[in-house]
C-alpha atoms as a PDB file:
ATOM      1  CA  MET A   1       0.011   0.310   0.037  1.00  0.00           C
ATOM      2  CA  LEU A   2       1.330   3.286  -1.173  1.00  0.00           C
ATOM      3  CA  GLU A   3       0.817   6.613   0.968  1.00  0.00           C
ATOM      4  CA  TRP A   4       0.398  10.116  -0.014  1.00  0.00           C
ATOM      5  CA  GLU A   5       3.835  10.944   1.648  1.00  0.00           C
ATOM      6  CA  ILE A   6       5.696   8.755  -0.707  1.00  0.00           C
ATOM      7  CA  LEU A   7       5.341  10.632  -3.770  1.00  0.00           C
ATOM      8  CA  PRO A   8       7.404  12.870  -3.697  1.00  0.00           C
ATOM      9  CA  ALA A   9      10.619  10.472  -3.105  1.00  0.00           C
ATOM     10  CA  LEU A  10       9.058   7.968  -6.069  1.00  0.00           C
ATOM     11  CA  PHE A  11       8.946  11.448  -8.469  1.00  0.00           C
ATOM     12  CA  PRO A  12      12.102  13.380  -7.189  1.00  0.00           C
ATOM     13  CA  ASP A  13      12.261  15.036 -10.487  1.00  0.00           C
ATOM     14  CA  LEU A  14       8.713  16.681 -10.376  1.00  0.00           C
ATOM     15  CA  ASP A  15       9.430  19.981  -8.709  1.00  0.00           C
ATOM     16  CA  GLU A  16       7.532  21.747  -5.589  1.00  0.00           C
ATOM     17  CA  PRO A  17       5.888  18.610  -4.026  1.00  0.00           C
ATOM     18  CA  GLY A  18       4.747  21.145  -1.494  1.00  0.00           C
ATOM     19  CA  ARG A  19       2.485  22.907  -3.918  1.00  0.00           C
ATOM     20  CA  TRP A  20       1.062  19.769  -5.969  1.00  0.00           C
ATOM     21  CA  LEU A  21       0.728  16.980  -3.197  1.00  0.00           C
ATOM     22  CA  PRO A  22      -1.674  19.086  -1.533  1.00  0.00           C
ATOM     23  CA  LEU A  23      -3.621  19.421  -4.917  1.00  0.00           C
ATOM     24  CA  LEU A  24      -3.791  15.888  -5.472  1.00  0.00           C
ATOM     25  CA  ARG A  25      -5.115  15.013  -1.749  1.00  0.00           C
ATOM     26  CA  ARG A  26      -7.511  17.687  -2.378  1.00  0.00           C
ATOM     27  CA  HIS A  27      -8.839  16.075  -5.500  1.00  0.00           C
ATOM     28  CA  ALA A  28      -9.067  12.883  -4.034  1.00  0.00           C
ATOM     29  CA  GLU A  29     -11.281  14.372  -1.503  1.00  0.00           C
ATOM     30  CA  ILE A  30     -13.610  16.019  -3.904  1.00  0.00           C
ATOM     31  CA  LEU A  31     -13.772  13.147  -6.207  1.00  0.00           C
ATOM     32  CA  ALA A  32     -14.742  10.990  -3.271  1.00  0.00           C
ATOM     33  CA  ALA A  33     -17.510  13.394  -2.125  1.00  0.00           C
ATOM     34  CA  ALA A  34     -18.686  13.734  -5.894  1.00  0.00           C
ATOM     35  CA  PRO A  35     -22.062  12.860  -6.777  1.00  0.00           C
ATOM     36  CA  VAL A  36     -21.251  11.511 -10.140  1.00  0.00           C
ATOM     37  CA  GLN A  37     -19.349   8.107  -9.683  1.00  0.00           C
ATOM     38  CA  THR A  38     -15.982   8.224 -11.871  1.00  0.00           C
ATOM     39  CA  THR A  39     -14.107   4.779 -10.509  1.00  0.00           C
ATOM     40  CA  THR A  40     -14.378   1.563  -8.413  1.00  0.00           C
ATOM     41  CA  VAL A  41     -10.968   2.223  -6.755  1.00  0.00           C
ATOM     42  CA  THR A  42     -11.628   3.111  -3.000  1.00  0.00           C
ATOM     43  CA  GLY A  43      -9.999   3.125   0.103  1.00  0.00           C
ATOM     44  CA  GLU A  44      -6.111   2.178   0.380  1.00  0.00           C
ATOM     45  CA  ASP A  45      -5.755   1.211  -3.214  1.00  0.00           C
ATOM     46  CA  VAL A  46      -6.734   5.077  -4.450  1.00  0.00           C
ATOM     47  CA  VAL A  47      -3.136   6.390  -4.116  1.00  0.00           C
ATOM     48  CA  ALA A  48      -0.990   3.571  -6.237  1.00  0.00           C
ATOM     49  CA  ARG A  49      -4.182   2.644  -8.457  1.00  0.00           C
ATOM     50  CA  HIS A  50      -4.708   6.542  -9.285  1.00  0.00           C
ATOM     51  CA  TYR A  51      -2.251   8.744  -8.254  1.00  0.00           C
ATOM     52  CA  ALA A  52       1.265   6.707  -8.515  1.00  0.00           C
ATOM     53  CA  GLU A  53       0.202   5.191 -11.762  1.00  0.00           C
ATOM     54  CA  SER A  54      -0.744   8.655 -13.530  1.00  0.00           C
ATOM     55  CA  LEU A  55       2.694  10.386 -12.225  1.00  0.00           C
ATOM     56  CA  GLU A  56       4.380   7.134 -13.404  1.00  0.00           C
ATOM     57  CA  THR A  57       2.426   7.319 -16.923  1.00  0.00           C
ATOM     58  CA  TYR A  58       3.454  10.826 -17.041  1.00  0.00           C
ATOM     59  CA  ARG A  59       7.147  10.217 -16.263  1.00  0.00           C
ATOM     60  CA  LEU A  60       7.602   7.417 -18.841  1.00  0.00           C
ATOM     61  CA  ALA A  61       5.599   9.589 -21.500  1.00  0.00           C
ATOM     62  CA  GLY A  62       8.665  11.875 -21.418  1.00  0.00           C
ATOM     63  CA  ALA A  63       7.034  14.291 -18.721  1.00  0.00           C
ATOM     64  CA  PRO A  64       6.855  17.240 -20.799  1.00  0.00           C
ATOM     65  CA  ARG A  65       6.883  20.681 -18.924  1.00  0.00           C
ATOM     66  CA  ARG A  66       5.281  22.758 -21.446  1.00  0.00           C
ATOM     67  CA  GLY A  67       3.016  22.284 -24.608  1.00  0.00           C
ATOM     68  CA  VAL A  68      -0.278  20.639 -24.980  1.00  0.00           C
ATOM     69  CA  VAL A  69      -1.493  17.331 -23.392  1.00  0.00           C
ATOM     70  CA  VAL A  70      -4.604  15.596 -24.118  1.00  0.00           C
ATOM     71  CA  ASP A  71      -6.121  12.788 -21.871  1.00  0.00           C
ATOM     72  CA  VAL A  72      -9.008  10.645 -23.500  1.00  0.00           C
ATOM     73  CA  GLY A  73     -11.704   9.053 -21.464  1.00  0.00           C
ATOM     74  CA  SER A  74     -10.189  11.290 -18.625  1.00  0.00           C
ATOM     75  CA  GLY A  75     -12.972   9.958 -15.939  1.00  0.00           C
ATOM     76  CA  GLY A  76     -12.095  11.318 -12.893  1.00  0.00           C
ATOM     77  CA  GLY A  77      -9.209  12.841 -14.142  1.00  0.00           C
ATOM     78  CA  PHE A  78      -6.712  10.103 -14.705  1.00  0.00           C
ATOM     79  CA  PRO A  79      -3.614  11.114 -15.707  1.00  0.00           C
ATOM     80  CA  GLY A  80      -5.089  14.900 -16.930  1.00  0.00           C
ATOM     81  CA  LEU A  81      -5.599  16.894 -13.836  1.00  0.00           C
ATOM     82  CA  VAL A  82      -2.745  14.581 -12.339  1.00  0.00           C
ATOM     83  CA  ILE A  83      -0.558  16.077 -14.714  1.00  0.00           C
ATOM     84  CA  ALA A  84      -2.261  19.619 -14.590  1.00  0.00           C
ATOM     85  CA  ALA A  85      -1.307  19.677 -11.032  1.00  0.00           C
ATOM     86  CA  VAL A  86       2.403  18.842 -11.061  1.00  0.00           C
ATOM     87  CA  ALA A  87       3.215  20.873 -14.749  1.00  0.00           C
ATOM     88  CA  PRO A  88       1.247  24.080 -14.321  1.00  0.00           C
ATOM     89  CA  ASP A  89       2.931  25.264 -17.648  1.00  0.00           C
ATOM     90  CA  VAL A  90       1.174  22.126 -19.663  1.00  0.00           C
ATOM     91  CA  GLU A  91      -1.953  22.955 -21.358  1.00  0.00           C
ATOM     92  CA  VAL A  92      -4.028  20.204 -20.365  1.00  0.00           C
ATOM     93  CA  HIS A  93      -7.297  19.020 -22.469  1.00  0.00           C
ATOM     94  CA  LEU A  94      -9.703  16.132 -20.544  1.00  0.00           C
ATOM     95  CA  VAL A  95     -11.979  14.682 -23.219  1.00  0.00           C
ATOM     96  CA  GLU A  96     -14.682  12.784 -21.737  1.00  0.00           C
ATOM     97  CA  ALA A  97     -18.068  11.661 -23.580  1.00  0.00           C
ATOM     98  CA  ARG A  98     -20.011  11.482 -20.547  1.00  0.00           C
ATOM     99  CA  LYS A  99     -21.347  14.717 -19.962  1.00  0.00           C
ATOM    100  CA  LYS A 100     -21.419  14.739 -16.302  1.00  0.00           C
ATOM    101  CA  ARG A 101     -18.423  13.458 -16.031  1.00  0.00           C
ATOM    102  CA  ALA A 102     -17.165  16.325 -18.031  1.00  0.00           C
ATOM    103  CA  GLU A 103     -18.991  18.817 -16.281  1.00  0.00           C
ATOM    104  CA  LEU A 104     -17.377  17.479 -12.673  1.00  0.00           C
ATOM    105  CA  LEU A 105     -14.169  17.594 -14.678  1.00  0.00           C
ATOM    106  CA  THR A 106     -14.582  21.382 -15.335  1.00  0.00           C
ATOM    107  CA  GLU A 107     -15.905  21.966 -11.609  1.00  0.00           C
ATOM    108  CA  MET A 108     -12.876  20.332 -10.017  1.00  0.00           C
ATOM    109  CA  ALA A 109      -9.983  22.229 -12.081  1.00  0.00           C
ATOM    110  CA  ALA A 110     -11.899  25.344 -11.144  1.00  0.00           C
ATOM    111  CA  THR A 111     -12.277  24.527  -7.591  1.00  0.00           C
ATOM    112  CA  LEU A 112      -8.615  23.384  -7.740  1.00  0.00           C
ATOM    113  CA  GLY A 113      -7.577  26.815  -9.651  1.00  0.00           C
ATOM    114  CA  PHE A 114      -6.064  24.833 -12.512  1.00  0.00           C
ATOM    115  CA  ASP A 115      -6.557  27.501 -15.354  1.00  0.00           C
ATOM    116  CA  ASN A 116      -4.551  25.196 -17.346  1.00  0.00           C
ATOM    117  CA  VAL A 117      -7.305  22.581 -18.002  1.00  0.00           C
ATOM    118  CA  THR A 118      -9.928  22.524 -20.348  1.00  0.00           C
ATOM    119  CA  ALA A 119     -12.699  19.655 -20.187  1.00  0.00           C
ATOM    120  CA  HIS A 120     -14.531  18.882 -23.670  1.00  0.00           C
ATOM    121  CA  GLY A 121     -17.744  16.878 -23.038  1.00  0.00           C
ATOM    122  CA  GLU A 122     -17.576  15.098 -26.512  1.00  0.00           C
ATOM    123  CA  ARG A 123     -16.215  11.698 -27.901  1.00  0.00           C
ATOM    124  CA  ALA A 124     -12.620  10.918 -28.768  1.00  0.00           C
ATOM    125  CA  GLU A 125     -14.090  10.434 -32.832  1.00  0.00           C
ATOM    126  CA  GLU A 126     -15.186  14.200 -32.452  1.00  0.00           C
ATOM    127  CA  ALA A 127     -12.518  15.542 -30.656  1.00  0.00           C
ATOM    128  CA  GLY A 128     -10.099  14.154 -33.527  1.00  0.00           C
ATOM    129  CA  ARG A 129     -12.257  16.282 -35.981  1.00  0.00           C
ATOM    130  CA  GLY A 130     -12.027  19.444 -34.033  1.00  0.00           C
ATOM    131  CA  MET A 131      -9.624  22.024 -32.821  1.00  0.00           C
ATOM    132  CA  LEU A 132      -7.169  19.492 -30.950  1.00  0.00           C
ATOM    133  CA  ARG A 133      -6.619  17.555 -34.297  1.00  0.00           C
ATOM    134  CA  ASP A 134      -3.370  17.089 -34.833  1.00  0.00           C
ATOM    135  CA  SER A 135      -2.182  19.544 -31.914  1.00  0.00           C
ATOM    136  CA  ALA A 136      -0.822  17.724 -28.826  1.00  0.00           C
ATOM    137  CA  SER A 137       2.711  16.874 -27.944  1.00  0.00           C
ATOM    138  CA  LEU A 138       1.194  14.098 -25.578  1.00  0.00           C
ATOM    139  CA  VAL A 139      -1.636  12.250 -25.738  1.00  0.00           C
ATOM    140  CA  VAL A 140      -2.666   9.831 -22.872  1.00  0.00           C
ATOM    141  CA  ALA A 141      -5.365   6.930 -22.179  1.00  0.00           C
ATOM    142  CA  ARG A 142      -5.665   4.427 -19.841  1.00  0.00           C
ATOM    143  CA  ALA A 143      -8.495   1.648 -19.493  1.00  0.00           C
ATOM    144  CA  VAL A 144      -9.673   2.624 -22.658  1.00  0.00           C
ATOM    145  CA  ALA A 145     -10.397   0.419 -25.573  1.00  0.00           C
ATOM    146  CA  PRO A 146      -8.382  -2.293 -27.267  1.00  0.00           C
ATOM    147  CA  LEU A 147      -5.216  -0.894 -28.950  1.00  0.00           C
ATOM    148  CA  PRO A 148      -6.684  -1.028 -32.498  1.00  0.00           C
ATOM    149  CA  VAL A 149      -9.120   1.194 -31.297  1.00  0.00           C
ATOM    150  CA  LEU A 150      -7.620   3.448 -28.810  1.00  0.00           C
ATOM    151  CA  LEU A 151      -5.282   4.315 -31.548  1.00  0.00           C
ATOM    152  CA  GLU A 152      -8.036   5.808 -33.680  1.00  0.00           C
ATOM    153  CA  TYR A 153      -9.318   7.704 -30.699  1.00  0.00           C
ATOM    154  CA  THR A 154      -5.626   8.938 -29.716  1.00  0.00           C
ATOM    155  CA  ALA A 155      -3.332   9.442 -32.686  1.00  0.00           C
ATOM    156  CA  PRO A 156      -5.488  11.808 -34.371  1.00  0.00           C
ATOM    157  CA  LEU A 157      -4.984  13.930 -31.636  1.00  0.00           C
ATOM    158  CA  ALA A 158      -1.520  13.985 -31.491  1.00  0.00           C
ATOM    159  CA  ALA A 159       1.108  16.663 -33.487  1.00  0.00           C
ATOM    160  CA  THR A 160       3.607  15.294 -36.102  1.00  0.00           C
ATOM    161  CA  GLY A 161       6.489  14.152 -33.684  1.00  0.00           C
ATOM    162  CA  GLY A 162       4.406  13.875 -30.640  1.00  0.00           C
ATOM    163  CA  THR A 163       4.215  10.766 -28.652  1.00  0.00           C
ATOM    164  CA  VAL A 164       1.046   8.906 -27.485  1.00  0.00           C
ATOM    165  CA  ALA A 165       0.991   6.876 -24.328  1.00  0.00           C
ATOM    166  CA  ALA A 166      -1.441   3.947 -23.471  1.00  0.00           C
ATOM    167  CA  VAL A 167      -1.327   2.207 -20.285  1.00  0.00           C
ATOM    168  CA  LYS A 168      -2.154  -0.936 -20.677  1.00  0.00           C
ATOM    169  CA  GLY A 169      -2.634  -4.438 -18.569  1.00  0.00           C
ATOM    170  CA  SER A 170      -1.901  -8.039 -18.982  1.00  0.00           C
ATOM    171  CA  ARG A 171      -3.280  -7.982 -22.986  1.00  0.00           C
ATOM    172  CA  GLY A 172      -0.813  -5.277 -23.837  1.00  0.00           C
ATOM    173  CA  GLU A 173       1.446  -6.945 -25.934  1.00  0.00           C
ATOM    174  CA  ALA A 174      -1.266  -9.356 -27.701  1.00  0.00           C
ATOM    175  CA  GLU A 175      -2.945  -6.140 -28.491  1.00  0.00           C
ATOM    176  CA  LEU A 176       0.378  -4.592 -29.940  1.00  0.00           C
ATOM    177  CA  GLY A 177       0.576  -7.405 -32.513  1.00  0.00           C
ATOM    178  CA  GLU A 178      -2.796  -6.525 -33.565  1.00  0.00           C
ATOM    179  CA  ALA A 179      -2.545  -3.231 -34.200  1.00  0.00           C
ATOM    180  CA  GLU A 180      -0.155  -3.365 -36.747  1.00  0.00           C
ATOM    181  CA  ALA A 181      -2.845  -2.125 -39.394  1.00  0.00           C
ATOM    182  CA  ALA A 182      -3.930   0.697 -37.283  1.00  0.00           C
ATOM    183  CA  MET A 183      -0.446   2.074 -37.110  1.00  0.00           C
ATOM    184  CA  ALA A 184      -0.021   2.067 -40.318  1.00  0.00           C
ATOM    185  CA  ALA A 185      -3.108   3.873 -41.054  1.00  0.00           C
ATOM    186  CA  LEU A 186      -2.895   6.138 -38.588  1.00  0.00           C
ATOM    187  CA  ALA A 187       0.717   7.507 -39.231  1.00  0.00           C
ATOM    188  CA  CYS A 188       2.396   6.153 -35.909  1.00  0.00           C
ATOM    189  CA  GLU A 189       5.101   3.994 -35.228  1.00  0.00           C
ATOM    190  CA  HIS A 190       5.687   1.981 -31.702  1.00  0.00           C
ATOM    191  CA  THR A 191       8.937   3.131 -30.010  1.00  0.00           C
ATOM    192  CA  GLY A 192       8.760   1.174 -26.785  1.00  0.00           C
ATOM    193  CA  THR A 193       6.622  -0.359 -23.960  1.00  0.00           C
ATOM    194  CA  GLU A 194       7.516   0.596 -20.642  1.00  0.00           C
ATOM    195  CA  GLY A 195       6.950  -1.398 -17.818  1.00  0.00           C
ATOM    196  CA  MET A 196       5.802   0.705 -14.660  1.00  0.00           C
ATOM    197  CA  ARG A 197       8.161   0.015 -11.672  1.00  0.00           C
ATOM    198  CA  GLU A 198       7.327  -2.734  -9.164  1.00  0.00           C
ATOM    199  CA  GLU A 199       6.423  -0.605  -6.056  1.00  0.00           C
ATOM    200  CA  ILE A 200       4.059   1.028  -8.545  1.00  0.00           C
ATOM    201  CA  SER A 201       2.449  -1.866 -10.109  1.00  0.00           C
ATOM    202  CA  GLY A 202       3.927  -4.898 -10.978  1.00  0.00           C
ATOM    203  CA  ARG A 203       1.663  -5.461 -13.897  1.00  0.00           C
ATOM    204  CA  MET A 204       0.549  -2.237 -16.000  1.00  0.00           C
ATOM    205  CA  SER A 205       3.190  -0.690 -18.791  1.00  0.00           C
ATOM    206  CA  VAL A 206       2.927   2.367 -20.693  1.00  0.00           C
ATOM    207  CA  GLN A 207       2.926   1.467 -24.624  1.00  0.00           C
ATOM    208  CA  LEU A 208       4.769   4.719 -26.616  1.00  0.00           C
ATOM    209  CA  PHE A 209       4.036   5.496 -30.289  1.00  0.00           C
ATOM    210  CA  ARG A 210       5.424   8.334 -32.185  1.00  0.00           C
ATOM    211  CA  LYS A 211       3.276  10.226 -34.770  1.00  0.00           C
ATOM    212  CA  THR A 212       5.191  10.464 -37.873  1.00  0.00           C
ATOM    213  CA  GLY A 213       2.949  12.778 -39.948  1.00  0.00           C
ATOM    214  CA  PRO A 214      -0.272  14.596 -40.197  1.00  0.00           C
ATOM    215  CA  THR A 215      -3.703  12.378 -39.484  1.00  0.00           C
ATOM    216  CA  PRO A 216      -5.091  11.000 -42.825  1.00  0.00           C
ATOM    217  CA  SER A 217      -8.400  12.711 -43.716  1.00  0.00           C
ATOM    218  CA  ARG A 218     -10.410   9.663 -43.271  1.00  0.00           C
ATOM    219  CA  TYR A 219      -9.786   9.567 -39.877  1.00  0.00           C
ATOM    220  CA  PRO A 220     -11.229   9.513 -37.200  1.00  0.00           C
ATOM    221  CA  ARG A 221     -14.294   7.477 -38.491  1.00  0.00           C
ATOM    222  CA  ARG A 222     -17.553   8.718 -37.196  1.00  0.00           C
ATOM    223  CA  PRO A 223     -18.462   8.246 -33.665  1.00  0.00           C
ATOM    224  CA  GLY A 224     -18.682   4.115 -32.785  1.00  0.00           C
ATOM    225  CA  MET A 225     -16.909   2.937 -35.968  1.00  0.00           C
ATOM    226  CA  PRO A 226     -13.962   2.625 -34.654  1.00  0.00           C
ATOM    227  CA  ALA A 227     -15.108   0.208 -31.763  1.00  0.00           C
ATOM    228  CA  LYS A 228     -17.609  -1.479 -34.314  1.00  0.00           C
ATOM    229  CA  ARG A 229     -15.179  -2.100 -36.944  1.00  0.00           C
ATOM    230  CA  PRO A 230     -11.758  -1.491 -35.818  1.00  0.00           C
ATOM    231  CA  ILE A 231      -8.781  -0.852 -38.671  1.00  0.00           C
ATOM    232  CA  ALA A 232      -6.841  -4.071 -37.573  1.00  0.00           C
ATOM    233  CA  SER A 233      -9.819  -6.233 -38.679  1.00  0.00           C
ATOM    234  CA  GLY A 234      -9.330  -5.380 -42.081  1.00  0.00           C
END
């Protein structure tokens, strides 16, 4: 079990822990009292599963201190709001299809004083054809969809040369093999898979992809189509 106080020691490269650690604890309190359910993780697992894993994802993805970060399927703000807390100069966009959750994200960002956060109550396919298209230096997603589907949600949001970071569990390697067609179609390449440190999670890893060029005009397809007919399925 991880305690709040251990986070600064686990992530010594993150500046001003005296500023961001209270923000993360306050976020947890707000989320626990919220009328909208965003997670089933409670009690002693919260620090590790939500906050340490979010920070580890950010670390493994290169921990950008500036630029645009997009969190797809943000839910309660993981890892997007966590990144906003530790990197106040990053412009963070939270994409959340469920309107009530998106409204909660907006309220939490305001309560926490995050002027670097914008929540978007829309599907990823819609966001990928809007103002965020080809814009982000980093796109992150966890527990959203199988990788061939997830890449169609995330890659259109990344700028050329940007990074897509997908948090995956035990099926990650199998999904990677299933996503070759999606990578080719969406102009991205796999650059590595990094396992989270054992003290944080012995089972989760972060698959990293680099966007090699602009998103082809046909992607993302209309809402619902990536899940119904994944690119990898032929």
